[in-house]
Amino acid sequence: MTSKDFFRKTFSGYLWGNCLGMVVLAALLAGGAAWFLDKYTHHGETVKVPNVVGKNVRAVENQFEQLGLILEVVDTGYIKTLPADIILQQVVKPGTVVKVGRQVLVTVNAAHAQTLALPDLADNSSYREAESKLKAMGFRLTAPKYTSGDRDWVYSLEAEGRALRVGERVAVDVPITLVIGDGHIYEEYNGSDSADTATPSHFAPDDGEIIDESIQ
């Protein structure tokens, strides 16, 4: 190939046209990618998060859709005096400026209190152990009820005037009463079994013989 042919091919319009086309294509691709990223990440677009506590979750979903925010229900609570589907708490504080497309996490009021299965506590744990387990589960306790038996030993659980069974599902807002021993154990005296005893205060102090007060 002569030098004349080389320069003629090198500076031909076809070659320069291809080069120019590649440059334009690269510029378009770069510009398109930048535009897409700006739209995808909402670069430069911000919105102020409104206060939605106390509002119905459906109404807030519509409000957030208009603002470009995303509502995400992550937990439920229960307040008896409030209607269901009312927002109880929001994670992003009201007035916070965030990017469009930001998720706002909320806790919503449930229609009914959560119910949980009762663990095996009766005749299986002390008052302190049972109290700790029930409170950790979210139950509320009343003052304990006492019965004759080993001190602070749990003999049964009650709620709303009835005994509760192991595994029974109870609403967490229903107060539970633990029936525990008062530390006194009484045995009936039937007059025929020498092992039976009467009330401990009726023992004579000298020889331990039982005194029948009815014959005095």
N, C-alpha and C. Protein backbone atom coordinates (compact mmCIF):
# COMPACT_ATOMS: atom_id res chain seq x y z
N MET A 1 0.84 -1.18 0.00
CA MET A 1 0.00 0.00 0.00
C MET A 1 0.89 1.24 0.00
N THR A 2 0.61 2.13 -0.91
CA THR A 2 1.39 3.36 -0.98
C THR A 2 0.92 4.35 0.06
N SER A 3 1.76 5.30 0.36
CA SER A 3 1.40 6.33 1.35
C SER A 3 0.19 7.12 0.90
N LYS A 4 0.02 7.26 -0.38
CA LYS A 4 -1.14 7.99 -0.89
C LYS A 4 -2.43 7.25 -0.57
N ASP A 5 -2.40 5.90 -0.77
CA ASP A 5 -3.59 5.10 -0.45
C ASP A 5 -3.88 5.10 1.05
N PHE A 6 -2.83 5.06 1.85
CA PHE A 6 -3.01 5.05 3.31
C PHE A 6 -3.72 6.32 3.78
N PHE A 7 -3.23 7.46 3.35
CA PHE A 7 -3.83 8.73 3.77
C PHE A 7 -5.24 8.87 3.21
N ARG A 8 -5.45 8.35 2.01
CA ARG A 8 -6.79 8.44 1.43
C ARG A 8 -7.80 7.64 2.24
N LYS A 9 -7.42 6.44 2.69
CA LYS A 9 -8.34 5.61 3.49
C LYS A 9 -8.50 6.15 4.91
N THR A 10 -7.38 6.67 5.44
CA THR A 10 -7.42 7.17 6.82
C THR A 10 -8.35 8.37 6.95
N PHE A 11 -8.33 9.25 5.99
CA PHE A 11 -9.11 10.49 6.07
C PHE A 11 -10.38 10.42 5.23
N SER A 12 -10.85 9.21 4.96
CA SER A 12 -12.07 9.06 4.18
C SER A 12 -13.29 9.46 5.01
N GLY A 13 -14.32 9.94 4.38
CA GLY A 13 -15.53 10.37 5.06
C GLY A 13 -16.24 9.21 5.77
N TYR A 14 -16.15 8.02 5.21
CA TYR A 14 -16.83 6.86 5.81
C TYR A 14 -16.27 6.55 7.19
N LEU A 15 -14.92 6.56 7.32
CA LEU A 15 -14.29 6.25 8.60
C LEU A 15 -14.61 7.30 9.64
N TRP A 16 -14.52 8.58 9.22
CA TRP A 16 -14.82 9.64 10.18
C TRP A 16 -16.30 9.65 10.58
N GLY A 17 -17.12 9.26 9.65
CA GLY A 17 -18.55 9.17 9.98
C GLY A 17 -18.82 8.12 11.03
N ASN A 18 -18.14 6.97 10.92
CA ASN A 18 -18.29 5.92 11.92
C ASN A 18 -17.80 6.37 13.29
N CYS A 19 -16.66 7.04 13.28
CA CYS A 19 -16.10 7.52 14.56
C CYS A 19 -17.04 8.51 15.22
N LEU A 20 -17.57 9.42 14.41
CA LEU A 20 -18.49 10.42 14.95
C LEU A 20 -19.77 9.77 15.48
N GLY A 21 -20.24 8.77 14.75
CA GLY A 21 -21.44 8.05 15.22
C GLY A 21 -21.20 7.36 16.55
N MET A 22 -20.02 6.77 16.73
CA MET A 22 -19.70 6.10 17.99
C MET A 22 -19.64 7.09 19.14
N VAL A 23 -19.08 8.28 18.87
CA VAL A 23 -18.99 9.32 19.91
C VAL A 23 -20.39 9.77 20.32
N VAL A 24 -21.24 10.01 19.31
CA VAL A 24 -22.61 10.44 19.60
C VAL A 24 -23.36 9.37 20.39
N LEU A 25 -23.21 8.10 20.00
CA LEU A 25 -23.88 7.00 20.69
C LEU A 25 -23.43 6.91 22.14
N ALA A 26 -22.12 7.05 22.38
CA ALA A 26 -21.60 6.99 23.74
C ALA A 26 -22.15 8.14 24.58
N ALA A 27 -22.25 9.32 23.97
CA ALA A 27 -22.79 10.48 24.70
C ALA A 27 -24.25 10.26 25.04
N LEU A 28 -25.02 9.69 24.10
CA LEU A 28 -26.42 9.42 24.37
C LEU A 28 -26.61 8.39 25.48
N LEU A 29 -25.78 7.34 25.44
CA LEU A 29 -25.86 6.32 26.48
C LEU A 29 -25.53 6.90 27.86
N ALA A 30 -24.49 7.72 27.93
CA ALA A 30 -24.11 8.33 29.21
C ALA A 30 -25.20 9.26 29.72
N GLY A 31 -25.75 10.05 28.81
CA GLY A 31 -26.82 10.96 29.20
C GLY A 31 -28.07 10.22 29.64
N GLY A 32 -28.40 9.14 28.94
CA GLY A 32 -29.57 8.35 29.31
C GLY A 32 -29.40 7.68 30.67
N ALA A 33 -28.19 7.17 30.93
CA ALA A 33 -27.93 6.53 32.22
C ALA A 33 -28.06 7.54 33.35
N ALA A 34 -27.52 8.75 33.14
CA ALA A 34 -27.61 9.79 34.17
C ALA A 34 -29.05 10.19 34.41
N TRP A 35 -29.83 10.31 33.32
CA TRP A 35 -31.25 10.66 33.47
C TRP A 35 -32.01 9.58 34.22
N PHE A 36 -31.73 8.32 33.89
CA PHE A 36 -32.41 7.20 34.56
C PHE A 36 -32.07 7.16 36.05
N LEU A 37 -30.80 7.36 36.38
CA LEU A 37 -30.40 7.34 37.79
C LEU A 37 -31.04 8.47 38.56
N ASP A 38 -31.12 9.65 37.95
CA ASP A 38 -31.76 10.78 38.62
C ASP A 38 -33.23 10.48 38.90
N LYS A 39 -33.91 9.88 37.92
CA LYS A 39 -35.31 9.57 38.11
C LYS A 39 -35.50 8.44 39.11
N TYR A 40 -34.61 7.43 39.05
CA TYR A 40 -34.74 6.27 39.92
C TYR A 40 -34.46 6.64 41.37
N THR A 41 -33.46 7.46 41.59
CA THR A 41 -33.09 7.83 42.96
C THR A 41 -33.75 9.13 43.39
N HIS A 42 -34.56 9.73 42.52
CA HIS A 42 -35.23 11.00 42.82
C HIS A 42 -34.22 12.04 43.29
N HIS A 43 -33.15 12.13 42.55
CA HIS A 43 -32.07 13.05 42.91
C HIS A 43 -32.59 14.49 42.95
N GLY A 44 -32.39 15.13 44.09
CA GLY A 44 -32.80 16.52 44.23
C GLY A 44 -34.26 16.70 44.59
N GLU A 45 -35.07 15.61 44.59
CA GLU A 45 -36.49 15.71 44.93
C GLU A 45 -36.68 15.34 46.39
N THR A 46 -37.22 16.24 47.17
CA THR A 46 -37.43 15.99 48.59
C THR A 46 -38.87 16.34 48.96
N VAL A 47 -39.29 15.81 50.10
CA VAL A 47 -40.64 16.07 50.61
C VAL A 47 -40.60 16.03 52.13
N LYS A 48 -41.45 16.81 52.75
CA LYS A 48 -41.52 16.84 54.21
C LYS A 48 -42.53 15.81 54.69
N VAL A 49 -42.11 14.94 55.63
CA VAL A 49 -42.98 13.87 56.13
C VAL A 49 -44.05 14.48 57.04
N PRO A 50 -45.34 14.22 56.76
CA PRO A 50 -46.40 14.77 57.60
C PRO A 50 -46.60 13.94 58.87
N ASN A 51 -47.33 14.49 59.82
CA ASN A 51 -47.69 13.77 61.04
C ASN A 51 -48.93 12.94 60.75
N VAL A 52 -48.79 11.61 60.81
CA VAL A 52 -49.91 10.73 60.46
C VAL A 52 -50.44 9.96 61.67
N VAL A 53 -49.89 10.18 62.85
CA VAL A 53 -50.37 9.49 64.06
C VAL A 53 -51.81 9.91 64.34
N GLY A 54 -52.67 8.91 64.56
CA GLY A 54 -54.08 9.19 64.83
C GLY A 54 -54.94 9.18 63.59
N LYS A 55 -54.33 9.01 62.41
CA LYS A 55 -55.09 8.99 61.16
C LYS A 55 -55.32 7.56 60.69
N ASN A 56 -56.37 7.38 59.89
CA ASN A 56 -56.68 6.07 59.33
C ASN A 56 -55.62 5.67 58.31
N VAL A 57 -55.20 4.42 58.35
CA VAL A 57 -54.10 3.96 57.51
C VAL A 57 -54.45 4.05 56.02
N ARG A 58 -55.71 3.84 55.64
CA ARG A 58 -56.09 3.93 54.23
C ARG A 58 -55.97 5.36 53.72
N ALA A 59 -56.41 6.31 54.55
CA ALA A 59 -56.31 7.72 54.15
C ALA A 59 -54.84 8.14 54.01
N VAL A 60 -53.99 7.63 54.89
CA VAL A 60 -52.57 7.98 54.84
C VAL A 60 -51.91 7.37 53.60
N GLU A 61 -52.34 6.18 53.20
CA GLU A 61 -51.79 5.58 51.98
C GLU A 61 -52.05 6.47 50.78
N ASN A 62 -53.26 7.01 50.68
CA ASN A 62 -53.59 7.91 49.57
C ASN A 62 -52.77 9.20 49.65
N GLN A 63 -52.60 9.72 50.87
CA GLN A 63 -51.82 10.94 51.06
C GLN A 63 -50.37 10.73 50.66
N PHE A 64 -49.80 9.60 51.07
CA PHE A 64 -48.40 9.30 50.75
C PHE A 64 -48.20 9.08 49.25
N GLU A 65 -49.19 8.50 48.61
CA GLU A 65 -49.08 8.27 47.16
C GLU A 65 -48.96 9.60 46.42
N GLN A 66 -49.70 10.59 46.88
CA GLN A 66 -49.63 11.91 46.26
C GLN A 66 -48.30 12.61 46.56
N LEU A 67 -47.74 12.35 47.74
CA LEU A 67 -46.47 12.97 48.13
C LEU A 67 -45.25 12.24 47.56
N GLY A 68 -45.47 11.02 47.09
CA GLY A 68 -44.35 10.23 46.59
C GLY A 68 -43.65 9.43 47.67
N LEU A 69 -44.33 9.22 48.81
CA LEU A 69 -43.78 8.42 49.91
C LEU A 69 -44.43 7.04 49.91
N ILE A 70 -43.82 6.11 50.61
CA ILE A 70 -44.32 4.74 50.69
C ILE A 70 -44.64 4.42 52.15
N LEU A 71 -45.87 4.01 52.40
CA LEU A 71 -46.30 3.64 53.76
C LEU A 71 -46.08 2.15 53.97
N GLU A 72 -45.43 1.79 55.07
CA GLU A 72 -45.13 0.39 55.38
C GLU A 72 -45.58 0.08 56.81
N VAL A 73 -46.60 -0.79 56.94
CA VAL A 73 -47.07 -1.21 58.26
C VAL A 73 -46.19 -2.34 58.75
N VAL A 74 -45.47 -2.12 59.86
CA VAL A 74 -44.51 -3.10 60.34
C VAL A 74 -44.93 -3.75 61.66
N ASP A 75 -45.95 -3.18 62.34
CA ASP A 75 -46.34 -3.75 63.63
C ASP A 75 -47.77 -3.31 63.95
N THR A 76 -48.39 -4.02 64.90
CA THR A 76 -49.72 -3.65 65.37
C THR A 76 -49.71 -3.55 66.89
N GLY A 77 -50.56 -2.70 67.40
CA GLY A 77 -50.76 -2.59 68.84
C GLY A 77 -52.25 -2.67 69.12
N TYR A 78 -52.63 -2.41 70.35
CA TYR A 78 -54.06 -2.44 70.66
C TYR A 78 -54.36 -1.48 71.79
N ILE A 79 -55.16 -0.46 71.47
CA ILE A 79 -55.69 0.46 72.46
C ILE A 79 -57.20 0.41 72.34
N LYS A 80 -57.85 -0.07 73.39
CA LYS A 80 -59.29 -0.34 73.34
C LYS A 80 -60.11 0.90 73.00
N THR A 81 -59.66 2.05 73.43
CA THR A 81 -60.45 3.27 73.25
C THR A 81 -60.32 3.87 71.84
N LEU A 82 -59.43 3.33 71.02
CA LEU A 82 -59.23 3.86 69.66
C LEU A 82 -59.80 2.90 68.63
N PRO A 83 -60.28 3.41 67.50
CA PRO A 83 -60.80 2.53 66.45
C PRO A 83 -59.68 1.75 65.77
N ALA A 84 -60.06 0.69 65.08
CA ALA A 84 -59.08 -0.12 64.36
C ALA A 84 -58.51 0.66 63.19
N ASP A 85 -57.29 0.27 62.76
CA ASP A 85 -56.60 0.84 61.60
C ASP A 85 -56.15 2.29 61.80
N ILE A 86 -56.11 2.73 63.05
CA ILE A 86 -55.56 4.05 63.35
C ILE A 86 -54.06 3.90 63.57
N ILE A 87 -53.28 4.81 63.01
CA ILE A 87 -51.82 4.75 63.17
C ILE A 87 -51.44 5.20 64.58
N LEU A 88 -50.71 4.34 65.28
CA LEU A 88 -50.30 4.62 66.65
C LEU A 88 -48.92 5.25 66.74
N GLN A 89 -48.07 4.91 65.79
CA GLN A 89 -46.69 5.40 65.85
C GLN A 89 -46.08 5.41 64.45
N GLN A 90 -45.24 6.40 64.18
CA GLN A 90 -44.49 6.44 62.92
C GLN A 90 -43.01 6.57 63.24
N VAL A 91 -42.18 5.88 62.45
CA VAL A 91 -40.74 5.85 62.73
C VAL A 91 -40.07 7.15 62.30
N VAL A 92 -40.33 7.65 61.09
CA VAL A 92 -39.76 8.91 60.64
C VAL A 92 -40.54 10.06 61.30
N LYS A 93 -39.86 10.92 62.02
CA LYS A 93 -40.53 11.99 62.75
C LYS A 93 -41.21 12.98 61.80
N PRO A 94 -42.38 13.49 62.21
CA PRO A 94 -43.07 14.50 61.38
C PRO A 94 -42.17 15.72 61.15
N GLY A 95 -42.21 16.24 59.94
CA GLY A 95 -41.40 17.40 59.60
C GLY A 95 -40.04 17.08 59.02
N THR A 96 -39.64 15.79 59.07
CA THR A 96 -38.35 15.39 58.51
C THR A 96 -38.38 15.48 56.99
N VAL A 97 -37.35 16.08 56.41
CA VAL A 97 -37.25 16.20 54.95
C VAL A 97 -36.53 14.97 54.41
N VAL A 98 -37.19 14.23 53.53
CA VAL A 98 -36.63 12.99 52.98
C VAL A 98 -36.76 13.00 51.47
N LYS A 99 -36.07 12.07 50.82
CA LYS A 99 -36.19 11.92 49.38
C LYS A 99 -37.54 11.33 49.01
N VAL A 100 -38.03 11.70 47.85
CA VAL A 100 -39.23 11.08 47.32
C VAL A 100 -38.97 9.59 47.13
N GLY A 101 -39.94 8.75 47.50
CA GLY A 101 -39.77 7.30 47.43
C GLY A 101 -39.34 6.69 48.74
N ARG A 102 -39.16 7.50 49.80
CA ARG A 102 -38.74 7.00 51.09
C ARG A 102 -39.87 6.22 51.76
N GLN A 103 -39.53 5.11 52.42
CA GLN A 103 -40.49 4.33 53.20
C GLN A 103 -40.65 4.95 54.58
N VAL A 104 -41.90 5.02 55.04
CA VAL A 104 -42.20 5.48 56.40
C VAL A 104 -42.86 4.31 57.12
N LEU A 105 -42.23 3.82 58.18
CA LEU A 105 -42.72 2.66 58.91
C LEU A 105 -43.70 3.10 60.00
N VAL A 106 -44.83 2.38 60.11
CA VAL A 106 -45.85 2.76 61.08
C VAL A 106 -46.36 1.54 61.85
N THR A 107 -46.92 1.82 63.04
CA THR A 107 -47.61 0.82 63.85
C THR A 107 -49.10 1.16 63.85
N VAL A 108 -49.94 0.15 63.61
CA VAL A 108 -51.38 0.37 63.44
C VAL A 108 -52.16 -0.30 64.56
N ASN A 109 -53.25 0.33 64.98
CA ASN A 109 -54.10 -0.23 66.03
C ASN A 109 -54.91 -1.41 65.48
N ALA A 110 -54.86 -2.54 66.18
CA ALA A 110 -55.58 -3.74 65.75
C ALA A 110 -57.03 -3.67 66.18
N ALA A 111 -57.87 -4.47 65.52
CA ALA A 111 -59.30 -4.49 65.85
C ALA A 111 -59.55 -5.19 67.18
N HIS A 112 -58.69 -6.14 67.51
CA HIS A 112 -58.84 -6.90 68.75
C HIS A 112 -57.47 -7.06 69.40
N ALA A 113 -57.49 -7.24 70.70
CA ALA A 113 -56.24 -7.48 71.42
C ALA A 113 -55.63 -8.81 70.99
N GLN A 114 -54.33 -8.87 70.98
CA GLN A 114 -53.62 -10.10 70.63
C GLN A 114 -53.90 -11.17 71.68
N THR A 115 -54.09 -12.40 71.23
CA THR A 115 -54.29 -13.51 72.16
C THR A 115 -53.06 -14.42 72.14
N LEU A 116 -52.70 -14.90 73.31
CA LEU A 116 -51.53 -15.78 73.45
C LEU A 116 -51.90 -17.01 74.25
N ALA A 117 -51.23 -18.13 73.94
CA ALA A 117 -51.46 -19.36 74.68
C ALA A 117 -50.74 -19.31 76.02
N LEU A 118 -51.44 -19.71 77.08
CA LEU A 118 -50.85 -19.67 78.41
C LEU A 118 -49.81 -20.78 78.58
N PRO A 119 -48.66 -20.45 79.14
CA PRO A 119 -47.65 -21.49 79.41
C PRO A 119 -48.04 -22.35 80.60
N ASP A 120 -47.32 -23.43 80.79
CA ASP A 120 -47.58 -24.36 81.90
C ASP A 120 -46.97 -23.80 83.18
N LEU A 121 -47.76 -23.09 83.97
CA LEU A 121 -47.26 -22.44 85.17
C LEU A 121 -47.87 -23.01 86.45
N ALA A 122 -49.14 -23.42 86.41
CA ALA A 122 -49.82 -23.91 87.60
C ALA A 122 -49.16 -25.18 88.13
N ASP A 123 -48.83 -25.15 89.42
CA ASP A 123 -48.18 -26.29 90.09
C ASP A 123 -46.87 -26.66 89.40
N ASN A 124 -46.25 -25.63 88.82
CA ASN A 124 -45.01 -25.90 88.09
C ASN A 124 -44.00 -24.76 88.23
N SER A 125 -44.34 -23.73 89.00
CA SER A 125 -43.43 -22.59 89.12
C SER A 125 -43.75 -21.76 90.35
N SER A 126 -42.79 -20.94 90.74
CA SER A 126 -42.99 -20.02 91.84
C SER A 126 -43.69 -18.77 91.34
N TYR A 127 -44.15 -17.96 92.29
CA TYR A 127 -44.83 -16.72 91.92
C TYR A 127 -43.91 -15.81 91.11
N ARG A 128 -42.67 -15.68 91.53
CA ARG A 128 -41.74 -14.79 90.84
C ARG A 128 -41.50 -15.27 89.40
N GLU A 129 -41.33 -16.59 89.22
CA GLU A 129 -41.10 -17.14 87.88
C GLU A 129 -42.31 -16.92 86.98
N ALA A 130 -43.51 -17.21 87.52
CA ALA A 130 -44.72 -17.06 86.72
C ALA A 130 -44.97 -15.60 86.38
N GLU A 131 -44.76 -14.71 87.33
CA GLU A 131 -44.95 -13.29 87.09
C GLU A 131 -44.02 -12.80 85.98
N SER A 132 -42.76 -13.21 86.04
CA SER A 132 -41.78 -12.79 85.05
C SER A 132 -42.15 -13.27 83.65
N LYS A 133 -42.57 -14.54 83.53
CA LYS A 133 -42.92 -15.10 82.23
C LYS A 133 -44.13 -14.41 81.63
N LEU A 134 -45.15 -14.19 82.44
CA LEU A 134 -46.38 -13.60 81.92
C LEU A 134 -46.17 -12.15 81.51
N LYS A 135 -45.43 -11.39 82.30
CA LYS A 135 -45.17 -10.00 81.96
C LYS A 135 -44.31 -9.89 80.70
N ALA A 136 -43.37 -10.81 80.53
CA ALA A 136 -42.54 -10.81 79.33
C ALA A 136 -43.38 -11.09 78.08
N MET A 137 -44.46 -11.84 78.24
CA MET A 137 -45.34 -12.14 77.12
C MET A 137 -46.29 -10.98 76.82
N GLY A 138 -46.40 -10.04 77.76
CA GLY A 138 -47.27 -8.89 77.55
C GLY A 138 -48.54 -8.89 78.36
N PHE A 139 -48.72 -9.88 79.23
CA PHE A 139 -49.92 -9.95 80.06
C PHE A 139 -49.85 -8.96 81.22
N ARG A 140 -51.03 -8.54 81.69
CA ARG A 140 -51.13 -7.71 82.90
C ARG A 140 -51.60 -8.60 84.04
N LEU A 141 -51.06 -8.35 85.23
CA LEU A 141 -51.39 -9.16 86.40
C LEU A 141 -52.08 -8.32 87.46
N THR A 142 -53.02 -8.95 88.16
CA THR A 142 -53.64 -8.33 89.32
C THR A 142 -52.82 -8.72 90.55
N ALA A 143 -53.26 -8.24 91.73
CA ALA A 143 -52.64 -8.70 92.97
C ALA A 143 -52.90 -10.19 93.12
N PRO A 144 -51.95 -10.95 93.65
CA PRO A 144 -52.14 -12.40 93.75
C PRO A 144 -53.27 -12.77 94.72
N LYS A 145 -53.83 -13.92 94.51
CA LYS A 145 -54.86 -14.48 95.38
C LYS A 145 -54.23 -15.62 96.17
N TYR A 146 -54.51 -15.70 97.47
CA TYR A 146 -53.84 -16.67 98.32
C TYR A 146 -54.74 -17.86 98.65
N THR A 147 -54.09 -19.01 98.78
CA THR A 147 -54.75 -20.22 99.20
C THR A 147 -53.79 -20.99 100.09
N SER A 148 -54.29 -21.95 100.85
CA SER A 148 -53.41 -22.72 101.72
C SER A 148 -52.46 -23.56 100.87
N GLY A 149 -51.19 -23.55 101.24
CA GLY A 149 -50.19 -24.29 100.49
C GLY A 149 -48.81 -23.72 100.68
N ASP A 150 -47.85 -24.26 99.96
CA ASP A 150 -46.47 -23.79 100.06
C ASP A 150 -46.39 -22.32 99.68
N ARG A 151 -45.62 -21.58 100.45
CA ARG A 151 -45.53 -20.14 100.25
C ARG A 151 -45.04 -19.79 98.83
N ASP A 152 -45.78 -18.91 98.16
CA ASP A 152 -45.44 -18.36 96.85
C ASP A 152 -45.41 -19.40 95.73
N TRP A 153 -45.98 -20.56 95.98
CA TRP A 153 -46.07 -21.56 94.92
C TRP A 153 -47.37 -21.35 94.15
N VAL A 154 -47.29 -21.38 92.81
CA VAL A 154 -48.46 -21.12 91.97
C VAL A 154 -49.30 -22.38 91.85
N TYR A 155 -50.57 -22.27 92.28
CA TYR A 155 -51.46 -23.42 92.22
C TYR A 155 -52.46 -23.33 91.06
N SER A 156 -52.78 -22.13 90.62
CA SER A 156 -53.68 -21.98 89.48
C SER A 156 -53.64 -20.54 88.97
N LEU A 157 -54.24 -20.35 87.80
CA LEU A 157 -54.36 -19.02 87.21
C LEU A 157 -55.84 -18.73 86.96
N GLU A 158 -56.25 -17.50 87.21
CA GLU A 158 -57.64 -17.11 87.02
C GLU A 158 -57.73 -15.81 86.23
N ALA A 159 -58.86 -15.67 85.54
CA ALA A 159 -59.16 -14.42 84.82
C ALA A 159 -60.66 -14.29 84.68
N GLU A 160 -61.16 -13.13 84.96
CA GLU A 160 -62.59 -12.84 84.85
C GLU A 160 -63.42 -13.83 85.64
N GLY A 161 -62.90 -14.22 86.81
CA GLY A 161 -63.65 -15.06 87.73
C GLY A 161 -63.66 -16.55 87.42
N ARG A 162 -62.80 -17.01 86.52
CA ARG A 162 -62.77 -18.44 86.22
C ARG A 162 -61.33 -18.92 86.11
N ALA A 163 -61.16 -20.24 86.31
CA ALA A 163 -59.83 -20.83 86.23
C ALA A 163 -59.42 -20.97 84.77
N LEU A 164 -58.12 -20.78 84.51
CA LEU A 164 -57.57 -20.88 83.16
C LEU A 164 -56.84 -22.20 82.98
N ARG A 165 -56.85 -22.71 81.77
CA ARG A 165 -56.19 -23.97 81.46
C ARG A 165 -54.86 -23.71 80.74
N VAL A 166 -53.95 -24.67 80.85
CA VAL A 166 -52.68 -24.59 80.12
C VAL A 166 -52.96 -24.61 78.62
N GLY A 167 -52.33 -23.72 77.89
CA GLY A 167 -52.51 -23.66 76.45
C GLY A 167 -53.71 -22.85 75.99
N GLU A 168 -54.56 -22.44 76.92
CA GLU A 168 -55.72 -21.63 76.56
C GLU A 168 -55.26 -20.27 76.05
N ARG A 169 -55.90 -19.78 74.99
CA ARG A 169 -55.55 -18.49 74.43
C ARG A 169 -56.33 -17.39 75.14
N VAL A 170 -55.57 -16.42 75.63
CA VAL A 170 -56.16 -15.33 76.42
C VAL A 170 -55.69 -14.01 75.82
N ALA A 171 -56.59 -13.04 75.72
CA ALA A 171 -56.22 -11.72 75.22
C ALA A 171 -55.27 -11.05 76.21
N VAL A 172 -54.27 -10.37 75.69
CA VAL A 172 -53.23 -9.78 76.55
C VAL A 172 -53.77 -8.64 77.39
N ASP A 173 -54.93 -8.09 77.03
CA ASP A 173 -55.48 -7.00 77.83
C ASP A 173 -56.37 -7.48 78.96
N VAL A 174 -56.54 -8.80 79.09
CA VAL A 174 -57.33 -9.38 80.18
C VAL A 174 -56.42 -9.61 81.38
N PRO A 175 -56.67 -8.98 82.53
CA PRO A 175 -55.81 -9.16 83.70
C PRO A 175 -55.86 -10.60 84.22
N ILE A 176 -54.70 -11.13 84.57
CA ILE A 176 -54.60 -12.50 85.08
C ILE A 176 -54.25 -12.47 86.56
N THR A 177 -54.89 -13.35 87.32
CA THR A 177 -54.64 -13.46 88.76
C THR A 177 -53.93 -14.78 89.03
N LEU A 178 -52.81 -14.72 89.71
CA LEU A 178 -52.09 -15.92 90.13
C LEU A 178 -52.56 -16.33 91.51
N VAL A 179 -52.98 -17.57 91.64
CA VAL A 179 -53.39 -18.11 92.94
C VAL A 179 -52.18 -18.82 93.53
N ILE A 180 -51.67 -18.30 94.65
CA ILE A 180 -50.43 -18.82 95.22
C ILE A 180 -50.63 -19.24 96.68
N GLY A 181 -49.69 -20.06 97.15
CA GLY A 181 -49.75 -20.55 98.52
C GLY A 181 -49.41 -19.47 99.54
N ASP A 182 -50.08 -19.54 100.71
CA ASP A 182 -49.84 -18.56 101.76
C ASP A 182 -48.83 -19.03 102.80
N GLY A 183 -48.29 -20.23 102.60
CA GLY A 183 -47.29 -20.74 103.54
C GLY A 183 -47.86 -21.57 104.67
N HIS A 184 -49.18 -21.78 104.70
CA HIS A 184 -49.82 -22.59 105.74
C HIS A 184 -50.48 -23.80 105.10
N ILE A 185 -50.19 -24.99 105.68
CA ILE A 185 -50.77 -26.23 105.17
C ILE A 185 -51.63 -26.83 106.28
N TYR A 186 -52.90 -27.06 106.01
CA TYR A 186 -53.84 -27.59 106.99
C TYR A 186 -54.26 -28.99 106.57
N GLU A 187 -54.32 -29.92 107.56
CA GLU A 187 -54.76 -31.28 107.28
C GLU A 187 -56.01 -31.56 108.11
N GLU A 188 -56.96 -32.27 107.52
CA GLU A 188 -58.20 -32.58 108.23
C GLU A 188 -57.98 -33.70 109.25
N TYR A 189 -58.65 -33.60 110.40
CA TYR A 189 -58.58 -34.63 111.45
C TYR A 189 -59.87 -35.43 111.42
N ASN A 190 -59.75 -36.74 111.12
CA ASN A 190 -60.94 -37.57 111.00
C ASN A 190 -61.17 -38.47 112.20
N GLY A 191 -60.30 -38.41 113.24
CA GLY A 191 -60.52 -39.15 114.48
C GLY A 191 -60.08 -40.59 114.42
N SER A 192 -59.62 -41.09 113.26
CA SER A 192 -59.25 -42.50 113.16
C SER A 192 -57.81 -42.69 112.70
N ASP A 193 -57.25 -41.69 112.11
CA ASP A 193 -55.89 -41.82 111.58
C ASP A 193 -54.95 -41.03 112.48
N SER A 194 -54.00 -41.73 113.11
CA SER A 194 -53.10 -41.06 114.04
C SER A 194 -52.16 -40.09 113.34
N ALA A 195 -52.02 -40.24 112.00
CA ALA A 195 -51.13 -39.37 111.27
C ALA A 195 -51.77 -38.02 110.99
N ASP A 196 -53.14 -37.97 111.04
CA ASP A 196 -53.83 -36.71 110.81
C ASP A 196 -53.67 -35.81 112.02
N THR A 197 -53.68 -34.53 111.78
CA THR A 197 -53.51 -33.56 112.86
C THR A 197 -54.60 -32.52 112.79
N ALA A 198 -54.83 -31.87 113.89
CA ALA A 198 -55.78 -30.77 113.93
C ALA A 198 -55.02 -29.48 113.70
N THR A 199 -55.70 -28.35 113.91
CA THR A 199 -55.05 -27.07 113.72
C THR A 199 -53.84 -26.96 114.62
N PRO A 200 -52.68 -26.52 114.14
CA PRO A 200 -51.44 -26.51 114.92
C PRO A 200 -51.55 -25.77 116.25
N SER A 201 -52.42 -24.79 116.39
CA SER A 201 -52.51 -24.04 117.64
C SER A 201 -53.13 -24.82 118.78
N HIS A 202 -53.67 -26.01 118.52
CA HIS A 202 -54.32 -26.81 119.55
C HIS A 202 -53.40 -27.84 120.19
N PHE A 203 -52.13 -27.78 119.93
CA PHE A 203 -51.18 -28.70 120.55
C PHE A 203 -50.80 -28.16 121.92
N ALA A 204 -50.72 -29.07 122.91
CA ALA A 204 -50.27 -28.68 124.25
C ALA A 204 -48.78 -28.43 124.22
N PRO A 205 -48.27 -27.45 124.98
CA PRO A 205 -46.86 -27.10 124.90
C PRO A 205 -45.94 -28.09 125.58
N ASP A 206 -46.48 -28.97 126.49
CA ASP A 206 -45.58 -29.83 127.24
C ASP A 206 -45.29 -31.15 126.56
N ASP A 207 -46.32 -31.91 126.16
CA ASP A 207 -46.05 -33.23 125.60
C ASP A 207 -46.59 -33.42 124.19
N GLY A 208 -47.15 -32.37 123.59
CA GLY A 208 -47.61 -32.50 122.21
C GLY A 208 -48.92 -33.22 122.08
N GLU A 209 -49.63 -33.56 123.21
CA GLU A 209 -50.89 -34.29 123.13
C GLU A 209 -51.99 -33.34 122.67
N ILE A 210 -52.88 -33.84 121.83
CA ILE A 210 -53.95 -33.03 121.31
C ILE A 210 -54.99 -32.83 122.41
N ILE A 211 -55.43 -31.60 122.60
CA ILE A 211 -56.44 -31.28 123.61
C ILE A 211 -57.75 -30.99 122.90
N ASP A 212 -58.80 -31.70 123.23
CA ASP A 212 -60.11 -31.48 122.68
C ASP A 212 -60.80 -30.43 123.51
N GLU A 213 -60.96 -29.23 122.98
CA GLU A 213 -61.53 -28.13 123.76
C GLU A 213 -63.03 -28.36 124.05
N SER A 214 -63.67 -29.25 123.31
CA SER A 214 -65.10 -29.46 123.49
C SER A 214 -65.44 -30.17 124.79
N ILE A 215 -64.44 -30.88 125.42
CA ILE A 215 -64.74 -31.63 126.63
C ILE A 215 -64.38 -30.84 127.88
N GLN A 216 -63.88 -29.62 127.71
CA GLN A 216 -63.52 -28.83 128.88
C GLN A 216 -64.76 -28.12 129.43
